[in-house]
Amino acid sequence: TPEGFRTPWLYRRVRHPMMKGFLLLLWAAPQMTADHLLLSAGLSLY
């Protein structure tokens, strides 16, 4: 049963809340090392 287009609570604030959550996880690091920067930048680009 295909689901029609709708905009629940989070999706009325941003179109991609899941990806926003991933970006917060990647970048809000108290200690940013070179390898963490590579991981965060690479996954953010993807």
ModelCIF file with pLDDT and N, C-alpha, C, O atoms, coordinates in Angstrom:
data_MODEL
#
_entry.id   MODEL 
#
_entity.id                         1 
_entity.type                       polymer 
_entity.pdbx_number_of_molecules   1 
#
_entity_poly.entity_id                      1 
_entity_poly.type                           'polypeptide(L)' 
_entity_poly.nstd_linkage                   no 
_entity_poly.nstd_monomer                   no 
_entity_poly.pdbx_seq_one_letter_code       TPEGFRTPWLYRRVRHPMMKGFLLLLWAAPQMTADHLLLSAGLSLY 
_entity_poly.pdbx_seq_one_letter_code_can   TPEGFRTPWLYRRVRHPMMKGFLLLLWAAPQMTADHLLLSAGLSLY 
_entity_poly.pdbx_strand_id                 A 
#
loop_
_entity_poly_seq.entity_id 
_entity_poly_seq.num 
_entity_poly_seq.mon_id 
_entity_poly_seq.hetero 
1 1  THR n 
1 2  PRO n 
1 3  GLU n 
1 4  GLY n 
1 5  PHE n 
1 6  ARG n 
1 7  THR n 
1 8  PRO n 
1 9  TRP n 
1 10 LEU n 
1 11 TYR n 
1 12 ARG n 
1 13 ARG n 
1 14 VAL n 
1 15 ARG n 
1 16 HIS n 
1 17 PRO n 
1 18 MET n 
1 19 MET n 
1 20 LYS n 
1 21 GLY n 
1 22 PHE n 
1 23 LEU n 
1 24 LEU n 
1 25 LEU n 
1 26 LEU n 
1 27 TRP n 
1 28 ALA n 
1 29 ALA n 
1 30 PRO n 
1 31 GLN n 
1 32 MET n 
1 33 THR n 
1 34 ALA n 
1 35 ASP n 
1 36 HIS n 
1 37 LEU n 
1 38 LEU n 
1 39 LEU n 
1 40 SER n 
1 41 ALA n 
1 42 GLY n 
1 43 LEU n 
1 44 SER n 
1 45 LEU n 
1 46 TYR n 
#
_struct_asym.id          A 
_struct_asym.entity_id   1 
#
loop_
_ma_qa_metric.id 
_ma_qa_metric.mode 
_ma_qa_metric.name 
_ma_qa_metric.software_group_id 
_ma_qa_metric.type 
1 global pLDDT . pLDDT 
2 local  pLDDT . pLDDT 
#
_ma_qa_metric_global.metric_id      1 
_ma_qa_metric_global.metric_value   89.74 
_ma_qa_metric_global.model_id       1 
_ma_qa_metric_global.ordinal_id     1 
#
loop_
_ma_qa_metric_local.label_asym_id 
_ma_qa_metric_local.label_comp_id 
_ma_qa_metric_local.label_seq_id 
_ma_qa_metric_local.metric_id 
_ma_qa_metric_local.metric_value 
_ma_qa_metric_local.model_id 
_ma_qa_metric_local.ordinal_id 
A THR 1  2 70.00 1 1  
A PRO 2  2 68.00 1 2  
A GLU 3  2 69.00 1 3  
A GLY 4  2 71.00 1 4  
A PHE 5  2 79.00 1 5  
A ARG 6  2 81.00 1 6  
A THR 7  2 84.00 1 7  
A PRO 8  2 87.00 1 8  
A TRP 9  2 88.00 1 9  
A LEU 10 2 90.00 1 10 
A TYR 11 2 91.00 1 11 
A ARG 12 2 90.00 1 12 
A ARG 13 2 90.00 1 13 
A VAL 14 2 92.00 1 14 
A ARG 15 2 93.00 1 15 
A HIS 16 2 93.00 1 16 
A PRO 17 2 94.00 1 17 
A MET 18 2 93.00 1 18 
A MET 19 2 94.00 1 19 
A LYS 20 2 95.00 1 20 
A GLY 21 2 95.00 1 21 
A PHE 22 2 95.00 1 22 
A LEU 23 2 96.00 1 23 
A LEU 24 2 96.00 1 24 
A LEU 25 2 96.00 1 25 
A LEU 26 2 96.00 1 26 
A TRP 27 2 96.00 1 27 
A ALA 28 2 95.00 1 28 
A ALA 29 2 92.00 1 29 
A PRO 30 2 92.00 1 30 
A GLN 31 2 89.00 1 31 
A MET 32 2 91.00 1 32 
A THR 33 2 88.00 1 33 
A ALA 34 2 88.00 1 34 
A ASP 35 2 89.00 1 35 
A HIS 36 2 92.00 1 36 
A LEU 37 2 93.00 1 37 
A LEU 38 2 92.00 1 38 
A LEU 39 2 94.00 1 39 
A SER 40 2 95.00 1 40 
A ALA 41 2 94.00 1 41 
A GLY 42 2 92.00 1 42 
A LEU 43 2 93.00 1 43 
A SER 44 2 95.00 1 44 
A LEU 45 2 92.00 1 45 
A TYR 46 2 90.00 1 46 
#
loop_
_atom_site.group_PDB 
_atom_site.id 
_atom_site.type_symbol 
_atom_site.label_atom_id 
_atom_site.label_alt_id 
_atom_site.label_comp_id 
_atom_site.label_asym_id 
_atom_site.label_entity_id 
_atom_site.label_seq_id 
_atom_site.pdbx_PDB_ins_code 
_atom_site.Cartn_x 
_atom_site.Cartn_y 
_atom_site.Cartn_z 
_atom_site.occupancy 
_atom_site.B_iso_or_equiv 
_atom_site.pdbx_formal_charge 
_atom_site.auth_seq_id 
_atom_site.auth_comp_id 
_atom_site.auth_asym_id 
_atom_site.auth_atom_id 
_atom_site.pdbx_PDB_model_num 
ATOM 1   N N  . THR A 1 1  ? 0.851  -1.185 0.000  1.00 70.00 ? 1  THR A N  1 
ATOM 2   C CA . THR A 1 1  ? 0.000  0.000  0.000  1.00 70.00 ? 1  THR A CA 1 
ATOM 3   C C  . THR A 1 1  ? 0.895  1.247  0.000  1.00 70.00 ? 1  THR A C  1 
ATOM 4   O O  . THR A 1 1  ? 1.457  1.606  1.035  1.00 70.00 ? 1  THR A O  1 
ATOM 5   N N  . PRO A 1 2  ? 1.028  1.904  -1.155 1.00 68.00 ? 2  PRO A N  1 
ATOM 6   C CA . PRO A 1 2  ? 1.901  3.087  -1.228 1.00 68.00 ? 2  PRO A CA 1 
ATOM 7   C C  . PRO A 1 2  ? 1.398  4.202  -0.315 1.00 68.00 ? 2  PRO A C  1 
ATOM 8   O O  . PRO A 1 2  ? 0.195  4.440  -0.200 1.00 68.00 ? 2  PRO A O  1 
ATOM 9   N N  . GLU A 1 3  ? 2.341  4.873  0.324  1.00 69.00 ? 3  GLU A N  1 
ATOM 10  C CA . GLU A 1 3  ? 2.000  5.961  1.236  1.00 69.00 ? 3  GLU A CA 1 
ATOM 11  C C  . GLU A 1 3  ? 2.017  7.272  0.468  1.00 69.00 ? 3  GLU A C  1 
ATOM 12  O O  . GLU A 1 3  ? 2.999  7.577  -0.209 1.00 69.00 ? 3  GLU A O  1 
ATOM 13  N N  . GLY A 1 4  ? 0.954  8.048  0.561  1.00 71.00 ? 4  GLY A N  1 
ATOM 14  C CA . GLY A 1 4  ? 0.877  9.323  -0.123 1.00 71.00 ? 4  GLY A CA 1 
ATOM 15  C C  . GLY A 1 4  ? 1.803  10.359 0.508  1.00 71.00 ? 4  GLY A C  1 
ATOM 16  O O  . GLY A 1 4  ? 2.361  10.142 1.583  1.00 71.00 ? 4  GLY A O  1 
ATOM 17  N N  . PHE A 1 5  ? 1.953  11.468 -0.169 1.00 79.00 ? 5  PHE A N  1 
ATOM 18  C CA . PHE A 1 5  ? 2.837  12.524 0.320  1.00 79.00 ? 5  PHE A CA 1 
ATOM 19  C C  . PHE A 1 5  ? 2.196  13.229 1.515  1.00 79.00 ? 5  PHE A C  1 
ATOM 20  O O  . PHE A 1 5  ? 1.064  13.707 1.436  1.00 79.00 ? 5  PHE A O  1 
ATOM 21  N N  . ARG A 1 6  ? 2.931  13.284 2.610  1.00 81.00 ? 6  ARG A N  1 
ATOM 22  C CA . ARG A 1 6  ? 2.457  14.007 3.781  1.00 81.00 ? 6  ARG A CA 1 
ATOM 23  C C  . ARG A 1 6  ? 3.656  14.553 4.539  1.00 81.00 ? 6  ARG A C  1 
ATOM 24  O O  . ARG A 1 6  ? 4.787  14.126 4.311  1.00 81.00 ? 6  ARG A O  1 
ATOM 25  N N  . THR A 1 7  ? 3.414  15.479 5.425  1.00 84.00 ? 7  THR A N  1 
ATOM 26  C CA . THR A 1 7  ? 4.499  16.145 6.153  1.00 84.00 ? 7  THR A CA 1 
ATOM 27  C C  . THR A 1 7  ? 4.230  16.083 7.655  1.00 84.00 ? 7  THR A C  1 
ATOM 28  O O  . THR A 1 7  ? 3.638  17.008 8.212  1.00 84.00 ? 7  THR A O  1 
ATOM 29  N N  . PRO A 1 8  ? 4.657  15.002 8.322  1.00 87.00 ? 8  PRO A N  1 
ATOM 30  C CA . PRO A 1 8  ? 4.505  14.934 9.770  1.00 87.00 ? 8  PRO A CA 1 
ATOM 31  C C  . PRO A 1 8  ? 5.341  16.010 10.478 1.00 87.00 ? 8  PRO A C  1 
ATOM 32  O O  . PRO A 1 8  ? 6.022  16.816 9.844  1.00 87.00 ? 8  PRO A O  1 
ATOM 33  N N  . TRP A 1 9  ? 5.262  15.991 11.796 1.00 88.00 ? 9  TRP A N  1 
ATOM 34  C CA . TRP A 1 9  ? 5.802  17.065 12.633 1.00 88.00 ? 9  TRP A CA 1 
ATOM 35  C C  . TRP A 1 9  ? 7.226  17.490 12.253 1.00 88.00 ? 9  TRP A C  1 
ATOM 36  O O  . TRP A 1 9  ? 7.439  18.654 11.912 1.00 88.00 ? 9  TRP A O  1 
ATOM 37  N N  . LEU A 1 10 ? 8.202  16.582 12.302 1.00 90.00 ? 10 LEU A N  1 
ATOM 38  C CA . LEU A 1 10 ? 9.585  16.961 12.013 1.00 90.00 ? 10 LEU A CA 1 
ATOM 39  C C  . LEU A 1 10 ? 9.741  17.499 10.597 1.00 90.00 ? 10 LEU A C  1 
ATOM 40  O O  . LEU A 1 10 ? 10.536 18.407 10.353 1.00 90.00 ? 10 LEU A O  1 
ATOM 41  N N  . TYR A 1 11 ? 8.984  16.938 9.672  1.00 91.00 ? 11 TYR A N  1 
ATOM 42  C CA . TYR A 1 11 ? 9.117  17.314 8.264  1.00 91.00 ? 11 TYR A CA 1 
ATOM 43  C C  . TYR A 1 11 ? 8.422  18.644 7.941  1.00 91.00 ? 11 TYR A C  1 
ATOM 44  O O  . TYR A 1 11 ? 8.469  19.113 6.804  1.00 91.00 ? 11 TYR A O  1 
ATOM 45  N N  . ARG A 1 12 ? 7.793  19.234 8.928  1.00 90.00 ? 12 ARG A N  1 
ATOM 46  C CA . ARG A 1 12 ? 7.284  20.591 8.750  1.00 90.00 ? 12 ARG A CA 1 
ATOM 47  C C  . ARG A 1 12 ? 8.322  21.625 9.159  1.00 90.00 ? 12 ARG A C  1 
ATOM 48  O O  . ARG A 1 12 ? 8.139  22.819 8.922  1.00 90.00 ? 12 ARG A O  1 
ATOM 49  N N  . ARG A 1 13 ? 9.408  21.174 9.770  1.00 90.00 ? 13 ARG A N  1 
ATOM 50  C CA . ARG A 1 13 ? 10.504 22.070 10.150 1.00 90.00 ? 13 ARG A CA 1 
ATOM 51  C C  . ARG A 1 13 ? 11.663 22.005 9.168  1.00 90.00 ? 13 ARG A C  1 
ATOM 52  O O  . ARG A 1 13 ? 12.199 23.036 8.764  1.00 90.00 ? 13 ARG A O  1 
ATOM 53  N N  . VAL A 1 14 ? 12.049 20.789 8.783  1.00 92.00 ? 14 VAL A N  1 
ATOM 54  C CA . VAL A 1 14 ? 13.085 20.594 7.766  1.00 92.00 ? 14 VAL A CA 1 
ATOM 55  C C  . VAL A 1 14 ? 12.669 19.417 6.888  1.00 92.00 ? 14 VAL A C  1 
ATOM 56  O O  . VAL A 1 14 ? 11.923 18.540 7.324  1.00 92.00 ? 14 VAL A O  1 
ATOM 57  N N  . ARG A 1 15 ? 13.154 19.404 5.656  1.00 93.00 ? 15 ARG A N  1 
ATOM 58  C CA . ARG A 1 15 ? 12.761 18.337 4.730  1.00 93.00 ? 15 ARG A CA 1 
ATOM 59  C C  . ARG A 1 15 ? 13.508 17.032 5.006  1.00 93.00 ? 15 ARG A C  1 
ATOM 60  O O  . ARG A 1 15 ? 13.033 15.955 4.646  1.00 93.00 ? 15 ARG A O  1 
ATOM 61  N N  . HIS A 1 16 ? 14.670 17.129 5.642  1.00 93.00 ? 16 HIS A N  1 
ATOM 62  C CA . HIS A 1 16 ? 15.492 15.930 5.845  1.00 93.00 ? 16 HIS A CA 1 
ATOM 63  C C  . HIS A 1 16 ? 15.993 15.864 7.292  1.00 93.00 ? 16 HIS A C  1 
ATOM 64  O O  . HIS A 1 16 ? 17.190 16.014 7.537  1.00 93.00 ? 16 HIS A O  1 
ATOM 65  N N  . PRO A 1 17 ? 15.093 15.642 8.245  1.00 94.00 ? 17 PRO A N  1 
ATOM 66  C CA . PRO A 1 17 ? 15.518 15.607 9.651  1.00 94.00 ? 17 PRO A CA 1 
ATOM 67  C C  . PRO A 1 17 ? 16.485 14.465 9.964  1.00 94.00 ? 17 PRO A C  1 
ATOM 68  O O  . PRO A 1 17 ? 17.336 14.602 10.842 1.00 94.00 ? 17 PRO A O  1 
ATOM 69  N N  . MET A 1 18 ? 16.362 13.351 9.262  1.00 93.00 ? 18 MET A N  1 
ATOM 70  C CA . MET A 1 18 ? 17.268 12.236 9.531  1.00 93.00 ? 18 MET A CA 1 
ATOM 71  C C  . MET A 1 18 ? 18.704 12.611 9.178  1.00 93.00 ? 18 MET A C  1 
ATOM 72  O O  . MET A 1 18 ? 19.631 12.336 9.940  1.00 93.00 ? 18 MET A O  1 
ATOM 73  N N  . MET A 1 19 ? 18.878 13.237 8.026  1.00 94.00 ? 19 MET A N  1 
ATOM 74  C CA . MET A 1 19 ? 20.218 13.642 7.623  1.00 94.00 ? 19 MET A CA 1 
ATOM 75  C C  . MET A 1 19 ? 20.749 14.755 8.517  1.00 94.00 ? 19 MET A C  1 
ATOM 76  O O  . MET A 1 19 ? 21.950 14.831 8.775  1.00 94.00 ? 19 MET A O  1 
ATOM 77  N N  . LYS A 1 20 ? 19.856 15.616 8.988  1.00 95.00 ? 20 LYS A N  1 
ATOM 78  C CA . LYS A 1 20 ? 20.268 16.648 9.945  1.00 95.00 ? 20 LYS A CA 1 
ATOM 79  C C  . LYS A 1 20 ? 20.827 15.995 11.207 1.00 95.00 ? 20 LYS A C  1 
ATOM 80  O O  . LYS A 1 20 ? 21.837 16.445 11.747 1.00 95.00 ? 20 LYS A O  1 
ATOM 81  N N  . GLY A 1 21 ? 20.170 14.935 11.673 1.00 95.00 ? 21 GLY A N  1 
ATOM 82  C CA . GLY A 1 21 ? 20.650 14.222 12.846 1.00 95.00 ? 21 GLY A CA 1 
ATOM 83  C C  . GLY A 1 21 ? 22.034 13.632 12.629 1.00 95.00 ? 21 GLY A C  1 
ATOM 84  O O  . GLY A 1 21 ? 22.887 13.711 13.514 1.00 95.00 ? 21 GLY A O  1 
ATOM 85  N N  . PHE A 1 22 ? 22.268 13.040 11.460 1.00 95.00 ? 22 PHE A N  1 
ATOM 86  C CA . PHE A 1 22 ? 23.587 12.499 11.145 1.00 95.00 ? 22 PHE A CA 1 
ATOM 87  C C  . PHE A 1 22 ? 24.647 13.595 11.161 1.00 95.00 ? 22 PHE A C  1 
ATOM 88  O O  . PHE A 1 22 ? 25.744 13.387 11.679 1.00 95.00 ? 22 PHE A O  1 
ATOM 89  N N  . LEU A 1 23 ? 24.330 14.755 10.601 1.00 96.00 ? 23 LEU A N  1 
ATOM 90  C CA . LEU A 1 23 ? 25.299 15.852 10.548 1.00 96.00 ? 23 LEU A CA 1 
ATOM 91  C C  . LEU A 1 23 ? 25.635 16.363 11.946 1.00 96.00 ? 23 LEU A C  1 
ATOM 92  O O  . LEU A 1 23 ? 26.788 16.689 12.225 1.00 96.00 ? 23 LEU A O  1 
ATOM 93  N N  . LEU A 1 24 ? 24.636 16.436 12.825 1.00 96.00 ? 24 LEU A N  1 
ATOM 94  C CA . LEU A 1 24 ? 24.909 16.841 14.211 1.00 96.00 ? 24 LEU A CA 1 
ATOM 95  C C  . LEU A 1 24 ? 25.836 15.842 14.887 1.00 96.00 ? 24 LEU A C  1 
ATOM 96  O O  . LEU A 1 24 ? 26.756 16.236 15.603 1.00 96.00 ? 24 LEU A O  1 
ATOM 97  N N  . LEU A 1 25 ? 25.601 14.558 14.665 1.00 96.00 ? 25 LEU A N  1 
ATOM 98  C CA . LEU A 1 25 ? 26.458 13.524 15.244 1.00 96.00 ? 25 LEU A CA 1 
ATOM 99  C C  . LEU A 1 25 ? 27.889 13.663 14.743 1.00 96.00 ? 25 LEU A C  1 
ATOM 100 O O  . LEU A 1 25 ? 28.834 13.543 15.522 1.00 96.00 ? 25 LEU A O  1 
ATOM 101 N N  . LEU A 1 26 ? 28.053 13.914 13.462 1.00 96.00 ? 26 LEU A N  1 
ATOM 102 C CA . LEU A 1 26 ? 29.388 13.952 12.858 1.00 96.00 ? 26 LEU A CA 1 
ATOM 103 C C  . LEU A 1 26 ? 30.201 15.170 13.290 1.00 96.00 ? 26 LEU A C  1 
ATOM 104 O O  . LEU A 1 26 ? 31.404 15.064 13.529 1.00 96.00 ? 26 LEU A O  1 
ATOM 105 N N  . TRP A 1 27 ? 29.535 16.342 13.391 1.00 96.00 ? 27 TRP A N  1 
ATOM 106 C CA . TRP A 1 27 ? 30.282 17.584 13.538 1.00 96.00 ? 27 TRP A CA 1 
ATOM 107 C C  . TRP A 1 27 ? 30.352 18.133 14.958 1.00 96.00 ? 27 TRP A C  1 
ATOM 108 O O  . TRP A 1 27 ? 31.240 18.934 15.251 1.00 96.00 ? 27 TRP A O  1 
ATOM 109 N N  . ALA A 1 28 ? 29.449 17.731 15.850 1.00 95.00 ? 28 ALA A N  1 
ATOM 110 C CA . ALA A 1 28 ? 29.462 18.278 17.220 1.00 95.00 ? 28 ALA A CA 1 
ATOM 111 C C  . ALA A 1 28 ? 30.428 17.483 18.089 1.00 95.00 ? 28 ALA A C  1 
ATOM 112 O O  . ALA A 1 28 ? 30.046 16.971 19.142 1.00 95.00 ? 28 ALA A O  1 
ATOM 113 N N  . ALA A 1 29 ? 31.658 17.382 17.656 1.00 92.00 ? 29 ALA A N  1 
ATOM 114 C CA . ALA A 1 29 ? 32.661 16.563 18.350 1.00 92.00 ? 29 ALA A CA 1 
ATOM 115 C C  . ALA A 1 29 ? 33.495 17.446 19.275 1.00 92.00 ? 29 ALA A C  1 
ATOM 116 O O  . ALA A 1 29 ? 34.087 18.423 18.815 1.00 92.00 ? 29 ALA A O  1 
ATOM 117 N N  . PRO A 1 30 ? 33.555 17.127 20.563 1.00 92.00 ? 30 PRO A N  1 
ATOM 118 C CA . PRO A 1 30 ? 34.392 17.918 21.470 1.00 92.00 ? 30 PRO A CA 1 
ATOM 119 C C  . PRO A 1 30 ? 35.871 17.875 21.085 1.00 92.00 ? 30 PRO A C  1 
ATOM 120 O O  . PRO A 1 30 ? 36.601 18.842 21.301 1.00 92.00 ? 30 PRO A O  1 
ATOM 121 N N  . GLN A 1 31 ? 36.304 16.765 20.521 1.00 89.00 ? 31 GLN A N  1 
ATOM 122 C CA . GLN A 1 31 ? 37.684 16.658 20.038 1.00 89.00 ? 31 GLN A CA 1 
ATOM 123 C C  . GLN A 1 31 ? 37.651 16.267 18.568 1.00 89.00 ? 31 GLN A C  1 
ATOM 124 O O  . GLN A 1 31 ? 37.158 15.196 18.212 1.00 89.00 ? 31 GLN A O  1 
ATOM 125 N N  . MET A 1 32 ? 38.174 17.129 17.727 1.00 91.00 ? 32 MET A N  1 
ATOM 126 C CA . MET A 1 32 ? 38.187 16.874 16.288 1.00 91.00 ? 32 MET A CA 1 
ATOM 127 C C  . MET A 1 32 ? 39.610 16.552 15.856 1.00 91.00 ? 32 MET A C  1 
ATOM 128 O O  . MET A 1 32 ? 40.484 17.419 15.848 1.00 91.00 ? 32 MET A O  1 
ATOM 129 N N  . THR A 1 33 ? 39.826 15.293 15.500 1.00 88.00 ? 33 THR A N  1 
ATOM 130 C CA . THR A 1 33 ? 41.124 14.869 14.983 1.00 88.00 ? 33 THR A CA 1 
ATOM 131 C C  . THR A 1 33 ? 41.078 14.859 13.453 1.00 88.00 ? 33 THR A C  1 
ATOM 132 O O  . THR A 1 33 ? 40.016 15.011 12.848 1.00 88.00 ? 33 THR A O  1 
ATOM 133 N N  . ALA A 1 34 ? 42.239 14.677 12.849 1.00 88.00 ? 34 ALA A N  1 
ATOM 134 C CA . ALA A 1 34 ? 42.312 14.703 11.389 1.00 88.00 ? 34 ALA A CA 1 
ATOM 135 C C  . ALA A 1 34 ? 41.469 13.598 10.768 1.00 88.00 ? 34 ALA A C  1 
ATOM 136 O O  . ALA A 1 34 ? 40.801 13.820 9.758  1.00 88.00 ? 34 ALA A O  1 
ATOM 137 N N  . ASP A 1 35 ? 41.495 12.405 11.367 1.00 89.00 ? 35 ASP A N  1 
ATOM 138 C CA . ASP A 1 35 ? 40.713 11.309 10.794 1.00 89.00 ? 35 ASP A CA 1 
ATOM 139 C C  . ASP A 1 35 ? 39.218 11.534 10.993 1.00 89.00 ? 35 ASP A C  1 
ATOM 140 O O  . ASP A 1 35 ? 38.414 11.163 10.139 1.00 89.00 ? 35 ASP A O  1 
ATOM 141 N N  . HIS A 1 36 ? 38.841 12.147 12.128 1.00 92.00 ? 36 HIS A N  1 
ATOM 142 C CA . HIS A 1 36 ? 37.425 12.458 12.353 1.00 92.00 ? 36 HIS A CA 1 
ATOM 143 C C  . HIS A 1 36 ? 36.952 13.501 11.350 1.00 92.00 ? 36 HIS A C  1 
ATOM 144 O O  . HIS A 1 36 ? 35.823 13.431 10.864 1.00 92.00 ? 36 HIS A O  1 
ATOM 145 N N  . LEU A 1 37 ? 37.817 14.473 11.037 1.00 93.00 ? 37 LEU A N  1 
ATOM 146 C CA . LEU A 1 37 ? 37.462 15.474 10.033 1.00 93.00 ? 37 LEU A CA 1 
ATOM 147 C C  . LEU A 1 37 ? 37.244 14.816 8.672  1.00 93.00 ? 37 LEU A C  1 
ATOM 148 O O  . LEU A 1 37 ? 36.308 15.161 7.950  1.00 93.00 ? 37 LEU A O  1 
ATOM 149 N N  . LEU A 1 38 ? 38.111 13.870 8.328  1.00 92.00 ? 38 LEU A N  1 
ATOM 150 C CA . LEU A 1 38 ? 37.939 13.156 7.064  1.00 92.00 ? 38 LEU A CA 1 
ATOM 151 C C  . LEU A 1 38 ? 36.610 12.411 7.049  1.00 92.00 ? 38 LEU A C  1 
ATOM 152 O O  . LEU A 1 38 ? 35.880 12.466 6.059  1.00 92.00 ? 38 LEU A O  1 
ATOM 153 N N  . LEU A 1 39 ? 36.291 11.714 8.140  1.00 94.00 ? 39 LEU A N  1 
ATOM 154 C CA . LEU A 1 39 ? 35.042 10.965 8.223  1.00 94.00 ? 39 LEU A CA 1 
ATOM 155 C C  . LEU A 1 39 ? 33.845 11.907 8.110  1.00 94.00 ? 39 LEU A C  1 
ATOM 156 O O  . LEU A 1 39 ? 32.915 11.642 7.348  1.00 94.00 ? 39 LEU A O  1 
ATOM 157 N N  . SER A 1 40 ? 33.868 13.004 8.864  1.00 95.00 ? 40 SER A N  1 
ATOM 158 C CA . SER A 1 40 ? 32.742 13.942 8.866  1.00 95.00 ? 40 SER A CA 1 
ATOM 159 C C  . SER A 1 40 ? 32.583 14.612 7.504  1.00 95.00 ? 40 SER A C  1 
ATOM 160 O O  . SER A 1 40 ? 31.468 14.719 6.992  1.00 95.00 ? 40 SER A O  1 
ATOM 161 N N  . ALA A 1 41 ? 33.683 15.061 6.921  1.00 94.00 ? 41 ALA A N  1 
ATOM 162 C CA . ALA A 1 41 ? 33.605 15.748 5.634  1.00 94.00 ? 41 ALA A CA 1 
ATOM 163 C C  . ALA A 1 41 ? 33.166 14.787 4.532  1.00 94.00 ? 41 ALA A C  1 
ATOM 164 O O  . ALA A 1 41 ? 32.337 15.139 3.693  1.00 94.00 ? 41 ALA A O  1 
ATOM 165 N N  . GLY A 1 42 ? 33.719 13.580 4.534  1.00 92.00 ? 42 GLY A N  1 
ATOM 166 C CA . GLY A 1 42 ? 33.366 12.617 3.494  1.00 92.00 ? 42 GLY A CA 1 
ATOM 167 C C  . GLY A 1 42 ? 31.912 12.194 3.560  1.00 92.00 ? 42 GLY A C  1 
ATOM 168 O O  . GLY A 1 42 ? 31.227 12.155 2.538  1.00 92.00 ? 42 GLY A O  1 
ATOM 169 N N  . LEU A 1 43 ? 31.433 11.874 4.765  1.00 93.00 ? 43 LEU A N  1 
ATOM 170 C CA . LEU A 1 43 ? 30.036 11.467 4.902  1.00 93.00 ? 43 LEU A CA 1 
ATOM 171 C C  . LEU A 1 43 ? 29.087 12.635 4.645  1.00 93.00 ? 43 LEU A C  1 
ATOM 172 O O  . LEU A 1 43 ? 27.998 12.442 4.104  1.00 93.00 ? 43 LEU A O  1 
ATOM 173 N N  . SER A 1 44 ? 29.493 13.840 5.027  1.00 95.00 ? 44 SER A N  1 
ATOM 174 C CA . SER A 1 44 ? 28.650 15.012 4.758  1.00 95.00 ? 44 SER A CA 1 
ATOM 175 C C  . SER A 1 44 ? 28.520 15.245 3.256  1.00 95.00 ? 44 SER A C  1 
ATOM 176 O O  . SER A 1 44 ? 27.434 15.547 2.760  1.00 95.00 ? 44 SER A O  1 
ATOM 177 N N  . LEU A 1 45 ? 29.628 15.103 2.538  1.00 92.00 ? 45 LEU A N  1 
ATOM 178 C CA . LEU A 1 45 ? 29.583 15.250 1.079  1.00 92.00 ? 45 LEU A CA 1 
ATOM 179 C C  . LEU A 1 45 ? 28.669 14.204 0.464  1.00 92.00 ? 45 LEU A C  1 
ATOM 180 O O  . LEU A 1 45 ? 27.876 14.511 -0.426 1.00 92.00 ? 45 LEU A O  1 
ATOM 181 N N  . TYR A 1 46 ? 28.779 12.973 0.937  1.00 90.00 ? 46 TYR A N  1 
ATOM 182 C CA . TYR A 1 46 ? 27.920 11.911 0.410  1.00 90.00 ? 46 TYR A CA 1 
ATOM 183 C C  . TYR A 1 46 ? 26.454 12.193 0.714  1.00 90.00 ? 46 TYR A C  1 
ATOM 184 O O  . TYR A 1 46 ? 25.585 11.404 0.344  1.00 90.00 ? 46 TYR A O  1 
#
